Amino acid sequence: MSGSAFNAFKARVPIEWSPRLYITLVRGLPGTRRLHRRTLEAMRLRRCNRTVLHRTTPSLLGMLNQVKRLVVVETEEMYNTRKQQEEEHRALRPPIVVIHTPPAADPAQ
């Protein structure tokens, strides 16, 4: 998620224009304010690296503004692109085939 292409893509897509948002909790809850923990609970984010899908509403945007340092917000296009790249990275690669030729027989022996 921390590539320059991702940040450039993220900068081009206004979050407010997207009908749905994927929200991922990327920071832990210990040490955060109680208000922030309750806000994340209201968004159904209880564990790190969990993603939820929400419709874009003014109240959701206000909650995101409150916990913006704890979460990553993506549009559907960004989320699908990231998941596709992860699948391609995880895909099976063709095996490496090594063919060994037997040593030539010495006529002297």
PDB file of N, CA and C in Angstrom:
ATOM      1  N   MET A   1       0.792  -1.190   0.000  1.00  0.00           N
ATOM      2  CA  MET A   1       0.000   0.000   0.000  1.00  0.00           C
ATOM      3  C   MET A   1       0.836   1.255   0.000  1.00  0.00           C
ATOM      4  N   SER A   2       2.091   1.145   0.152  1.00  0.00           N
ATOM      5  CA  SER A   2       2.882   2.352   0.306  1.00  0.00           C
ATOM      6  C   SER A   2       3.726   2.627  -0.929  1.00  0.00           C
ATOM      7  N   GLY A   3       3.179   2.462  -2.108  1.00  0.00           N
ATOM      8  CA  GLY A   3       3.919   2.779  -3.319  1.00  0.00           C
ATOM      9  C   GLY A   3       3.547   4.147  -3.838  1.00  0.00           C
ATOM     10  N   SER A   4       4.444   4.719  -4.612  1.00  0.00           N
ATOM     11  CA  SER A   4       4.166   6.060  -5.123  1.00  0.00           C
ATOM     12  C   SER A   4       3.008   6.030  -6.116  1.00  0.00           C
ATOM     13  N   ALA A   5       2.863   4.940  -6.864  1.00  0.00           N
ATOM     14  CA  ALA A   5       1.740   4.833  -7.801  1.00  0.00           C
ATOM     15  C   ALA A   5       0.418   4.779  -7.036  1.00  0.00           C
ATOM     16  N   PHE A   6       0.410   4.067  -5.921  1.00  0.00           N
ATOM     17  CA  PHE A   6      -0.810   3.989  -5.113  1.00  0.00           C
ATOM     18  C   PHE A   6      -1.168   5.364  -4.561  1.00  0.00           C
ATOM     19  N   ASN A   7      -0.168   6.081  -4.060  1.00  0.00           N
ATOM     20  CA  ASN A   7      -0.435   7.409  -3.513  1.00  0.00           C
ATOM     21  C   ASN A   7      -0.895   8.366  -4.600  1.00  0.00           C
ATOM     22  N   ALA A   8      -0.330   8.242  -5.797  1.00  0.00           N
ATOM     23  CA  ALA A   8      -0.757   9.100  -6.900  1.00  0.00           C
ATOM     24  C   ALA A   8      -2.197   8.786  -7.284  1.00  0.00           C
ATOM     25  N   PHE A   9      -2.540   7.495  -7.318  1.00  0.00           N
ATOM     26  CA  PHE A   9      -3.908   7.102  -7.651  1.00  0.00           C
ATOM     27  C   PHE A   9      -4.869   7.577  -6.569  1.00  0.00           C
ATOM     28  N   LYS A  10      -4.445   7.443  -5.326  1.00  0.00           N
ATOM     29  CA  LYS A  10      -5.275   7.854  -4.201  1.00  0.00           C
ATOM     30  C   LYS A  10      -5.519   9.364  -4.233  1.00  0.00           C
ATOM     31  N   ALA A  11      -4.521  10.122  -4.665  1.00  0.00           N
ATOM     32  CA  ALA A  11      -4.665  11.575  -4.706  1.00  0.00           C
ATOM     33  C   ALA A  11      -5.632  12.013  -5.800  1.00  0.00           C
ATOM     34  N   ARG A  12      -5.777  11.208  -6.860  1.00  0.00           N
ATOM     35  CA  ARG A  12      -6.638  11.586  -7.976  1.00  0.00           C
ATOM     36  C   ARG A  12      -8.106  11.302  -7.711  1.00  0.00           C
ATOM     37  N   VAL A  13      -8.421  10.352  -6.854  1.00  0.00           N
ATOM     38  CA  VAL A  13      -9.804   9.927  -6.655  1.00  0.00           C
ATOM     39  C   VAL A  13     -10.376  10.611  -5.419  1.00  0.00           C
ATOM     40  N   PRO A  14     -11.307  11.534  -5.578  1.00  0.00           N
ATOM     41  CA  PRO A  14     -11.929  12.148  -4.399  1.00  0.00           C
ATOM     42  C   PRO A  14     -12.817  11.135  -3.681  1.00  0.00           C
ATOM     43  N   ILE A  15     -12.587  10.976  -2.406  1.00  0.00           N
ATOM     44  CA  ILE A  15     -13.319   9.996  -1.612  1.00  0.00           C
ATOM     45  C   ILE A  15     -14.804  10.339  -1.564  1.00  0.00           C
ATOM     46  N   GLU A  16     -15.141  11.623  -1.514  1.00  0.00           N
ATOM     47  CA  GLU A  16     -16.539  12.025  -1.372  1.00  0.00           C
ATOM     48  C   GLU A  16     -17.380  11.623  -2.581  1.00  0.00           C
ATOM     49  N   TRP A  17     -16.757  11.462  -3.740  1.00  0.00           N
ATOM     50  CA  TRP A  17     -17.512  11.144  -4.951  1.00  0.00           C
ATOM     51  C   TRP A  17     -17.835   9.666  -5.074  1.00  0.00           C
ATOM     52  N   SER A  18     -17.196   8.847  -4.291  1.00  0.00           N
ATOM     53  CA  SER A  18     -17.395   7.408  -4.406  1.00  0.00           C
ATOM     54  C   SER A  18     -18.647   6.999  -3.638  1.00  0.00           C
ATOM     55  N   PRO A  19     -19.483   6.141  -4.222  1.00  0.00           N
ATOM     56  CA  PRO A  19     -20.702   5.732  -3.512  1.00  0.00           C
ATOM     57  C   PRO A  19     -20.423   4.815  -2.328  1.00  0.00           C
ATOM     58  N   ARG A  20     -19.348   4.032  -2.408  1.00  0.00           N
ATOM     59  CA  ARG A  20     -19.000   3.104  -1.324  1.00  0.00           C
ATOM     60  C   ARG A  20     -17.520   3.234  -1.009  1.00  0.00           C
ATOM     61  N   LEU A  21     -17.182   2.985   0.247  1.00  0.00           N
ATOM     62  CA  LEU A  21     -15.796   3.073   0.682  1.00  0.00           C
ATOM     63  C   LEU A  21     -15.395   1.801   1.410  1.00  0.00           C
ATOM     64  N   TYR A  22     -14.189   1.341   1.145  1.00  0.00           N
ATOM     65  CA  TYR A  22     -13.588   0.239   1.886  1.00  0.00           C
ATOM     66  C   TYR A  22     -12.675   0.861   2.940  1.00  0.00           C
ATOM     67  N   ILE A  23     -12.905   0.510   4.188  1.00  0.00           N
ATOM     68  CA  ILE A  23     -12.158   1.083   5.300  1.00  0.00           C
ATOM     69  C   ILE A  23     -11.404  -0.047   5.983  1.00  0.00           C
ATOM     70  N   THR A  24     -10.085   0.121   6.135  1.00  0.00           N
ATOM     71  CA  THR A  24      -9.238  -0.888   6.747  1.00  0.00           C
ATOM     72  C   THR A  24      -8.577  -0.298   7.982  1.00  0.00           C
ATOM     73  N   LEU A  25      -8.674  -1.005   9.094  1.00  0.00           N
ATOM     74  CA  LEU A  25      -8.002  -0.584  10.324  1.00  0.00           C
ATOM     75  C   LEU A  25      -6.544  -1.023  10.236  1.00  0.00           C
ATOM     76  N   VAL A  26      -5.609  -0.083  10.270  1.00  0.00           N
ATOM     77  CA  VAL A  26      -4.196  -0.419  10.105  1.00  0.00           C
ATOM     78  C   VAL A  26      -3.377  -0.159  11.364  1.00  0.00           C
ATOM     79  N   ARG A  27      -3.960   0.462  12.364  1.00  0.00           N
ATOM     80  CA  ARG A  27      -3.256   0.713  13.617  1.00  0.00           C
ATOM     81  C   ARG A  27      -4.009   0.024  14.754  1.00  0.00           C
ATOM     82  N   GLY A  28      -3.292  -0.360  15.767  1.00  0.00           N
ATOM     83  CA  GLY A  28      -3.905  -1.050  16.893  1.00  0.00           C
ATOM     84  C   GLY A  28      -4.727  -0.131  17.778  1.00  0.00           C
ATOM     85  N   LEU A  29      -5.610  -0.731  18.558  1.00  0.00           N
ATOM     86  CA  LEU A  29      -6.495   0.038  19.429  1.00  0.00           C
ATOM     87  C   LEU A  29      -5.899   0.384  20.794  1.00  0.00           C
ATOM     88  N   PRO A  30      -4.966  -0.399  21.352  1.00  0.00           N
ATOM     89  CA  PRO A  30      -4.429  -0.030  22.661  1.00  0.00           C
ATOM     90  C   PRO A  30      -3.756   1.341  22.626  1.00  0.00           C
ATOM     91  N   GLY A  31      -4.057   2.136  23.619  1.00  0.00           N
ATOM     92  CA  GLY A  31      -3.469   3.466  23.708  1.00  0.00           C
ATOM     93  C   GLY A  31      -4.261   4.547  22.997  1.00  0.00           C
ATOM     94  N   THR A  32      -5.378   4.185  22.379  1.00  0.00           N
ATOM     95  CA  THR A  32      -6.193   5.189  21.703  1.00  0.00           C
ATOM     96  C   THR A  32      -7.264   5.707  22.657  1.00  0.00           C
ATOM     97  N   ARG A  33      -7.854   6.805  22.299  1.00  0.00           N
ATOM     98  CA  ARG A  33      -8.913   7.378  23.128  1.00  0.00           C
ATOM     99  C   ARG A  33     -10.161   6.506  23.081  1.00  0.00           C
ATOM    100  N   ARG A  34     -10.928   6.570  24.140  1.00  0.00           N
ATOM    101  CA  ARG A  34     -12.162   5.785  24.214  1.00  0.00           C
ATOM    102  C   ARG A  34     -13.134   6.205  23.110  1.00  0.00           C
ATOM    103  N   LEU A  35     -13.188   7.489  22.815  1.00  0.00           N
ATOM    104  CA  LEU A  35     -14.069   7.988  21.764  1.00  0.00           C
ATOM    105  C   LEU A  35     -13.694   7.391  20.407  1.00  0.00           C
ATOM    106  N   HIS A  36     -12.384   7.280  20.144  1.00  0.00           N
ATOM    107  CA  HIS A  36     -11.938   6.688  18.884  1.00  0.00           C
ATOM    108  C   HIS A  36     -12.271   5.204  18.830  1.00  0.00           C
ATOM    109  N   ARG A  37     -12.100   4.508  19.939  1.00  0.00           N
ATOM    110  CA  ARG A  37     -12.439   3.076  19.966  1.00  0.00           C
ATOM    111  C   ARG A  37     -13.928   2.868  19.729  1.00  0.00           C
ATOM    112  N   ARG A  38     -14.752   3.722  20.315  1.00  0.00           N
ATOM    113  CA  ARG A  38     -16.202   3.599  20.112  1.00  0.00           C
ATOM    114  C   ARG A  38     -16.585   3.940  18.677  1.00  0.00           C
ATOM    115  N   THR A  39     -15.888   4.891  18.076  1.00  0.00           N
ATOM    116  CA  THR A  39     -16.145   5.232  16.675  1.00  0.00           C
ATOM    117  C   THR A  39     -15.802   4.057  15.774  1.00  0.00           C
ATOM    118  N   LEU A  40     -14.658   3.412  16.026  1.00  0.00           N
ATOM    119  CA  LEU A  40     -14.269   2.248  15.226  1.00  0.00           C
ATOM    120  C   LEU A  40     -15.235   1.090  15.445  1.00  0.00           C
ATOM    121  N   GLU A  41     -15.716   0.933  16.656  1.00  0.00           N
ATOM    122  CA  GLU A  41     -16.703  -0.112  16.943  1.00  0.00           C
ATOM    123  C   GLU A  41     -17.995   0.161  16.179  1.00  0.00           C
ATOM    124  N   ALA A  42     -18.374   1.427  16.073  1.00  0.00           N
ATOM    125  CA  ALA A  42     -19.579   1.783  15.321  1.00  0.00           C
ATOM    126  C   ALA A  42     -19.411   1.488  13.832  1.00  0.00           C
ATOM    127  N   MET A  43     -18.166   1.533  13.356  1.00  0.00           N
ATOM    128  CA  MET A  43     -17.895   1.206  11.950  1.00  0.00           C
ATOM    129  C   MET A  43     -17.605  -0.284  11.757  1.00  0.00           C
ATOM    130  N   ARG A  44     -17.775  -1.092  12.813  1.00  0.00           N
ATOM    131  CA  ARG A  44     -17.538  -2.538  12.795  1.00  0.00           C
ATOM    132  C   ARG A  44     -16.069  -2.886  12.535  1.00  0.00           C
ATOM    133  N   LEU A  45     -15.162  -2.073  13.026  1.00  0.00           N
ATOM    134  CA  LEU A  45     -13.727  -2.359  12.930  1.00  0.00           C
ATOM    135  C   LEU A  45     -13.226  -2.706  14.322  1.00  0.00           C
ATOM    136  N   ARG A  46     -12.943  -3.985  14.541  1.00  0.00           N
ATOM    137  CA  ARG A  46     -12.554  -4.436  15.868  1.00  0.00           C
ATOM    138  C   ARG A  46     -11.121  -4.950  15.925  1.00  0.00           C
ATOM    139  N   ARG A  47     -10.548  -5.321  14.786  1.00  0.00           N
ATOM    140  CA  ARG A  47      -9.197  -5.877  14.763  1.00  0.00           C
ATOM    141  C   ARG A  47      -8.371  -5.213  13.675  1.00  0.00           C
ATOM    142  N   CYS A  48      -7.073  -5.277  13.845  1.00  0.00           N
ATOM    143  CA  CYS A  48      -6.158  -4.711  12.850  1.00  0.00           C
ATOM    144  C   CYS A  48      -6.253  -5.481  11.530  1.00  0.00           C
ATOM    145  N   ASN A  49      -6.032  -4.781  10.446  1.00  0.00           N
ATOM    146  CA  ASN A  49      -6.015  -5.333   9.085  1.00  0.00           C
ATOM    147  C   ASN A  49      -7.348  -5.946   8.682  1.00  0.00           C
ATOM    148  N   ARG A  50      -8.436  -5.490   9.264  1.00  0.00           N
ATOM    149  CA  ARG A  50      -9.773  -5.911   8.851  1.00  0.00           C
ATOM    150  C   ARG A  50     -10.378  -4.807   8.003  1.00  0.00           C
ATOM    151  N   THR A  51     -11.126  -5.206   6.977  1.00  0.00           N
ATOM    152  CA  THR A  51     -11.713  -4.248   6.044  1.00  0.00           C
ATOM    153  C   THR A  51     -13.224  -4.373   6.075  1.00  0.00           C
ATOM    154  N   VAL A  52     -13.904  -3.230   6.068  1.00  0.00           N
ATOM    155  CA  VAL A  52     -15.362  -3.195   6.003  1.00  0.00           C
ATOM    156  C   VAL A  52     -15.771  -2.281   4.858  1.00  0.00           C
ATOM    157  N   LEU A  53     -16.974  -2.523   4.349  1.00  0.00           N
ATOM    158  CA  LEU A  53     -17.525  -1.736   3.251  1.00  0.00           C
ATOM    159  C   LEU A  53     -18.678  -0.900   3.788  1.00  0.00           C
ATOM    160  N   HIS A  54     -18.646   0.408   3.517  1.00  0.00           N
ATOM    161  CA  HIS A  54     -19.701   1.314   3.963  1.00  0.00           C
ATOM    162  C   HIS A  54     -20.122   2.218   2.815  1.00  0.00           C
ATOM    163  N   ARG A  55     -21.388   2.640   2.852  1.00  0.00           N
ATOM    164  CA  ARG A  55     -21.850   3.667   1.919  1.00  0.00           C
ATOM    165  C   ARG A  55     -21.311   5.017   2.380  1.00  0.00           C
ATOM    166  N   THR A  56     -21.023   5.891   1.434  1.00  0.00           N
ATOM    167  CA  THR A  56     -20.497   7.209   1.766  1.00  0.00           C
ATOM    168  C   THR A  56     -21.633   8.115   2.225  1.00  0.00           C
ATOM    169  N   THR A  57     -21.597   8.495   3.481  1.00  0.00           N
ATOM    170  CA  THR A  57     -22.583   9.412   4.053  1.00  0.00           C
ATOM    171  C   THR A  57     -21.824  10.508   4.804  1.00  0.00           C
ATOM    172  N   PRO A  58     -22.460  11.641   5.039  1.00  0.00           N
ATOM    173  CA  PRO A  58     -21.780  12.694   5.806  1.00  0.00           C
ATOM    174  C   PRO A  58     -21.366  12.242   7.208  1.00  0.00           C
ATOM    175  N   SER A  59     -22.172  11.412   7.846  1.00  0.00           N
ATOM    176  CA  SER A  59     -21.806  10.944   9.188  1.00  0.00           C
ATOM    177  C   SER A  59     -20.588  10.022   9.135  1.00  0.00           C
ATOM    178  N   LEU A  60     -20.505   9.186   8.106  1.00  0.00           N
ATOM    179  CA  LEU A  60     -19.340   8.313   7.957  1.00  0.00           C
ATOM    180  C   LEU A  60     -18.088   9.139   7.691  1.00  0.00           C
ATOM    181  N   LEU A  61     -18.192  10.152   6.852  1.00  0.00           N
ATOM    182  CA  LEU A  61     -17.035  11.003   6.577  1.00  0.00           C
ATOM    183  C   LEU A  61     -16.573  11.722   7.843  1.00  0.00           C
ATOM    184  N   GLY A  62     -17.508  12.110   8.706  1.00  0.00           N
ATOM    185  CA  GLY A  62     -17.135  12.719   9.981  1.00  0.00           C
ATOM    186  C   GLY A  62     -16.415  11.730  10.886  1.00  0.00           C
ATOM    187  N   MET A  63     -16.893  10.482  10.922  1.00  0.00           N
ATOM    188  CA  MET A  63     -16.227   9.459  11.733  1.00  0.00           C
ATOM    189  C   MET A  63     -14.830   9.176  11.194  1.00  0.00           C
ATOM    190  N   LEU A  64     -14.694   9.134   9.865  1.00  0.00           N
ATOM    191  CA  LEU A  64     -13.383   8.889   9.266  1.00  0.00           C
ATOM    192  C   LEU A  64     -12.423  10.031   9.571  1.00  0.00           C
ATOM    193  N   ASN A  65     -12.922  11.240   9.576  1.00  0.00           N
ATOM    194  CA  ASN A  65     -12.076  12.381   9.907  1.00  0.00           C
ATOM    195  C   ASN A  65     -11.580  12.284  11.348  1.00  0.00           C
ATOM    196  N   GLN A  66     -12.375  11.686  12.201  1.00  0.00           N
ATOM    197  CA  GLN A  66     -12.015  11.549  13.610  1.00  0.00           C
ATOM    198  C   GLN A  66     -10.904  10.513  13.815  1.00  0.00           C
ATOM    199  N   VAL A  67     -10.917   9.436  13.037  1.00  0.00           N
ATOM    200  CA  VAL A  67      -9.949   8.344  13.229  1.00  0.00           C
ATOM    201  C   VAL A  67      -9.050   8.174  12.010  1.00  0.00           C
ATOM    202  N   LYS A  68      -8.759   9.259  11.303  1.00  0.00           N
ATOM    203  CA  LYS A  68      -8.033   9.152  10.045  1.00  0.00           C
ATOM    204  C   LYS A  68      -6.618   8.613  10.204  1.00  0.00           C
ATOM    205  N   ARG A  69      -6.014   8.735  11.368  1.00  0.00           N
ATOM    206  CA  ARG A  69      -4.658   8.217  11.525  1.00  0.00           C
ATOM    207  C   ARG A  69      -4.642   6.715  11.816  1.00  0.00           C
ATOM    208  N   LEU A  70      -5.808   6.140  12.077  1.00  0.00           N
ATOM    209  CA  LEU A  70      -5.882   4.719  12.403  1.00  0.00           C
ATOM    210  C   LEU A  70      -6.328   3.855  11.233  1.00  0.00           C
ATOM    211  N   VAL A  71      -6.895   4.463  10.195  1.00  0.00           N
ATOM    212  CA  VAL A  71      -7.509   3.696   9.112  1.00  0.00           C
ATOM    213  C   VAL A  71      -6.954   4.122   7.758  1.00  0.00           C
ATOM    214  N   VAL A  72      -7.189   3.253   6.765  1.00  0.00           N
ATOM    215  CA  VAL A  72      -6.921   3.560   5.363  1.00  0.00           C
ATOM    216  C   VAL A  72      -8.252   3.468   4.642  1.00  0.00           C
ATOM    217  N   VAL A  73      -8.557   4.476   3.838  1.00  0.00           N
ATOM    218  CA  VAL A  73      -9.824   4.541   3.123  1.00  0.00           C
ATOM    219  C   VAL A  73      -9.548   4.354   1.641  1.00  0.00           C
ATOM    220  N   GLU A  74     -10.301   3.433   1.016  1.00  0.00           N
ATOM    221  CA  GLU A  74     -10.141   3.156  -0.411  1.00  0.00           C
ATOM    222  C   GLU A  74     -11.505   3.156  -1.083  1.00  0.00           C
ATOM    223  N   THR A  75     -11.510   3.518  -2.356  1.00  0.00           N
ATOM    224  CA  THR A  75     -12.724   3.380  -3.150  1.00  0.00           C
ATOM    225  C   THR A  75     -12.804   1.943  -3.644  1.00  0.00           C
ATOM    226  N   GLU A  76     -13.907   1.593  -4.291  1.00  0.00           N
ATOM    227  CA  GLU A  76     -14.052   0.231  -4.815  1.00  0.00           C
ATOM    228  C   GLU A  76     -12.983  -0.076  -5.851  1.00  0.00           C
ATOM    229  N   GLU A  77     -12.695   0.890  -6.727  1.00  0.00           N
ATOM    230  CA  GLU A  77     -11.683   0.665  -7.763  1.00  0.00           C
ATOM    231  C   GLU A  77     -10.315   0.429  -7.145  1.00  0.00           C
ATOM    232  N   MET A  78      -9.967   1.242  -6.157  1.00  0.00           N
ATOM    233  CA  MET A  78      -8.672   1.092  -5.502  1.00  0.00           C
ATOM    234  C   MET A  78      -8.581  -0.255  -4.792  1.00  0.00           C
ATOM    235  N   TYR A  79      -9.642  -0.645  -4.110  1.00  0.00           N
ATOM    236  CA  TYR A  79      -9.652  -1.909  -3.375  1.00  0.00           C
ATOM    237  C   TYR A  79      -9.520  -3.091  -4.332  1.00  0.00           C
ATOM    238  N   ASN A  80     -10.298  -3.074  -5.421  1.00  0.00           N
ATOM    239  CA  ASN A  80     -10.234  -4.174  -6.387  1.00  0.00           C
ATOM    240  C   ASN A  80      -8.874  -4.245  -7.057  1.00  0.00           C
ATOM    241  N   THR A  81      -8.281  -3.106  -7.366  1.00  0.00           N
ATOM    242  CA  THR A  81      -6.947  -3.088  -7.964  1.00  0.00           C
ATOM    243  C   THR A  81      -5.923  -3.673  -7.009  1.00  0.00           C
ATOM    244  N   ARG A  82      -5.996  -3.287  -5.739  1.00  0.00           N
ATOM    245  CA  ARG A  82      -5.047  -3.797  -4.754  1.00  0.00           C
ATOM    246  C   ARG A  82      -5.206  -5.298  -4.558  1.00  0.00           C
ATOM    247  N   LYS A  83      -6.444  -5.773  -4.482  1.00  0.00           N
ATOM    248  CA  LYS A  83      -6.675  -7.208  -4.312  1.00  0.00           C
ATOM    249  C   LYS A  83      -6.189  -7.996  -5.525  1.00  0.00           C
ATOM    250  N   GLN A  84      -6.395  -7.451  -6.717  1.00  0.00           N
ATOM    251  CA  GLN A  84      -5.932  -8.125  -7.929  1.00  0.00           C
ATOM    252  C   GLN A  84      -4.406  -8.203  -7.944  1.00  0.00           C
ATOM    253  N   GLN A  85      -3.728  -7.141  -7.538  1.00  0.00           N
ATOM    254  CA  GLN A  85      -2.268  -7.163  -7.480  1.00  0.00           C
ATOM    255  C   GLN A  85      -1.776  -8.166  -6.446  1.00  0.00           C
ATOM    256  N   GLU A  86      -2.462  -8.268  -5.321  1.00  0.00           N
ATOM    257  CA  GLU A  86      -2.075  -9.252  -4.311  1.00  0.00           C
ATOM    258  C   GLU A  86      -2.251 -10.669  -4.836  1.00  0.00           C
ATOM    259  N   GLU A  87      -3.333 -10.928  -5.565  1.00  0.00           N
ATOM    260  CA  GLU A  87      -3.560 -12.256  -6.137  1.00  0.00           C
ATOM    261  C   GLU A  87      -2.503 -12.594  -7.179  1.00  0.00           C
ATOM    262  N   GLU A  88      -2.149 -11.629  -8.014  1.00  0.00           N
ATOM    263  CA  GLU A  88      -1.107 -11.872  -9.017  1.00  0.00           C
ATOM    264  C   GLU A  88       0.226 -12.156  -8.343  1.00  0.00           C
ATOM    265  N   HIS A  89       0.501 -11.467  -7.258  1.00  0.00           N
ATOM    266  CA  HIS A  89       1.750 -11.694  -6.546  1.00  0.00           C
ATOM    267  C   HIS A  89       1.765 -13.075  -5.896  1.00  0.00           C
ATOM    268  N   ARG A  90       0.610 -13.532  -5.432  1.00  0.00           N
ATOM    269  CA  ARG A  90       0.489 -14.817  -4.761  1.00  0.00           C
ATOM    270  C   ARG A  90       0.317 -15.987  -5.722  1.00  0.00           C
ATOM    271  N   ALA A  91       0.080 -15.697  -7.000  1.00  0.00           N
ATOM    272  CA  ALA A  91      -0.205 -16.754  -7.970  1.00  0.00           C
ATOM    273  C   ALA A  91       0.996 -17.685  -8.125  1.00  0.00           C
ATOM    274  N   LEU A  92       0.693 -18.915  -8.516  1.00  0.00           N
ATOM    275  CA  LEU A  92       1.749 -19.895  -8.721  1.00  0.00           C
ATOM    276  C   LEU A  92       2.597 -19.511  -9.924  1.00  0.00           C
ATOM    277  N   ARG A  93       3.859 -19.689  -9.758  1.00  0.00           N
ATOM    278  CA  ARG A  93       4.778 -19.413 -10.854  1.00  0.00           C
ATOM    279  C   ARG A  93       5.191 -20.736 -11.477  1.00  0.00           C
ATOM    280  N   PRO A  94       5.582 -20.725 -12.758  1.00  0.00           N
ATOM    281  CA  PRO A  94       6.004 -21.984 -13.371  1.00  0.00           C
ATOM    282  C   PRO A  94       7.250 -22.524 -12.668  1.00  0.00           C
ATOM    283  N   PRO A  95       7.347 -23.839 -12.549  1.00  0.00           N
ATOM    284  CA  PRO A  95       8.487 -24.413 -11.841  1.00  0.00           C
ATOM    285  C   PRO A  95       9.787 -24.226 -12.624  1.00  0.00           C
ATOM    286  N   ILE A  96      10.870 -24.195 -11.893  1.00  0.00           N
ATOM    287  CA  ILE A  96      12.189 -24.109 -12.519  1.00  0.00           C
ATOM    288  C   ILE A  96      12.617 -25.529 -12.857  1.00  0.00           C
ATOM    289  N   VAL A  97      12.902 -25.756 -14.126  1.00  0.00           N
ATOM    290  CA  VAL A  97      13.292 -27.083 -14.583  1.00  0.00           C
ATOM    291  C   VAL A  97      14.787 -27.071 -14.860  1.00  0.00           C
ATOM    292  N   VAL A  98      15.511 -27.963 -14.187  1.00  0.00           N
ATOM    293  CA  VAL A  98      16.950 -28.070 -14.377  1.00  0.00           C
ATOM    294  C   VAL A  98      17.224 -29.446 -14.956  1.00  0.00           C
ATOM    295  N   ILE A  99      17.875 -29.484 -16.095  1.00  0.00           N
ATOM    296  CA  ILE A  99      18.208 -30.758 -16.738  1.00  0.00           C
ATOM    297  C   ILE A  99      19.712 -30.965 -16.603  1.00  0.00           C
ATOM    298  N   HIS A 100      20.061 -32.051 -15.937  1.00  0.00           N
ATOM    299  CA  HIS A 100      21.468 -32.380 -15.752  1.00  0.00           C
ATOM    300  C   HIS A 100      21.848 -33.447 -16.770  1.00  0.00           C
ATOM    301  N   THR A 101      22.905 -33.202 -17.473  1.00  0.00           N
ATOM    302  CA  THR A 101      23.391 -34.224 -18.410  1.00  0.00           C
ATOM    303  C   THR A 101      24.369 -35.113 -17.656  1.00  0.00           C
ATOM    304  N   PRO A 102      24.275 -36.413 -17.872  1.00  0.00           N
ATOM    305  CA  PRO A 102      25.202 -37.307 -17.171  1.00  0.00           C
ATOM    306  C   PRO A 102      26.626 -37.062 -17.675  1.00  0.00           C
ATOM    307  N   PRO A 103      27.597 -37.261 -16.811  1.00  0.00           N
ATOM    308  CA  PRO A 103      28.983 -37.043 -17.248  1.00  0.00           C
ATOM    309  C   PRO A 103      29.359 -38.038 -18.343  1.00  0.00           C
ATOM    310  N   ALA A 104      30.168 -37.559 -19.260  1.00  0.00           N
ATOM    311  CA  ALA A 104      30.597 -38.417 -20.375  1.00  0.00           C
ATOM    312  C   ALA A 104      31.533 -39.501 -19.840  1.00  0.00           C
ATOM    313  N   ALA A 105      31.379 -40.708 -20.390  1.00  0.00           N
ATOM    314  CA  ALA A 105      32.221 -41.831 -19.966  1.00  0.00           C
ATOM    315  C   ALA A 105      33.617 -41.648 -20.554  1.00  0.00           C
ATOM    316  N   ASP A 106      34.647 -41.812 -19.710  1.00  0.00           N
ATOM    317  CA  ASP A 106      36.031 -41.688 -20.181  1.00  0.00           C
ATOM    318  C   ASP A 106      36.434 -42.970 -20.907  1.00  0.00           C
ATOM    319  N   PRO A 107      36.953 -42.868 -22.136  1.00  0.00           N
ATOM    320  CA  PRO A 107      37.383 -44.081 -22.850  1.00  0.00           C
ATOM    321  C   PRO A 107      38.632 -44.700 -22.241  1.00  0.00           C
ATOM    322  N   ALA A 108      39.382 -43.948 -21.434  1.00  0.00           N
ATOM    323  CA  ALA A 108      40.620 -44.484 -20.865  1.00  0.00           C
ATOM    324  C   ALA A 108      40.323 -45.479 -19.755  1.00  0.00           C
ATOM    325  N   GLN A 109      39.196 -45.411 -19.159  1.00  0.00           N
ATOM    326  CA  GLN A 109      38.914 -46.309 -18.033  1.00  0.00           C
ATOM    327  C   GLN A 109      38.230 -47.541 -18.448  1.00  0.00           C
TER     328      GLN A 109
END
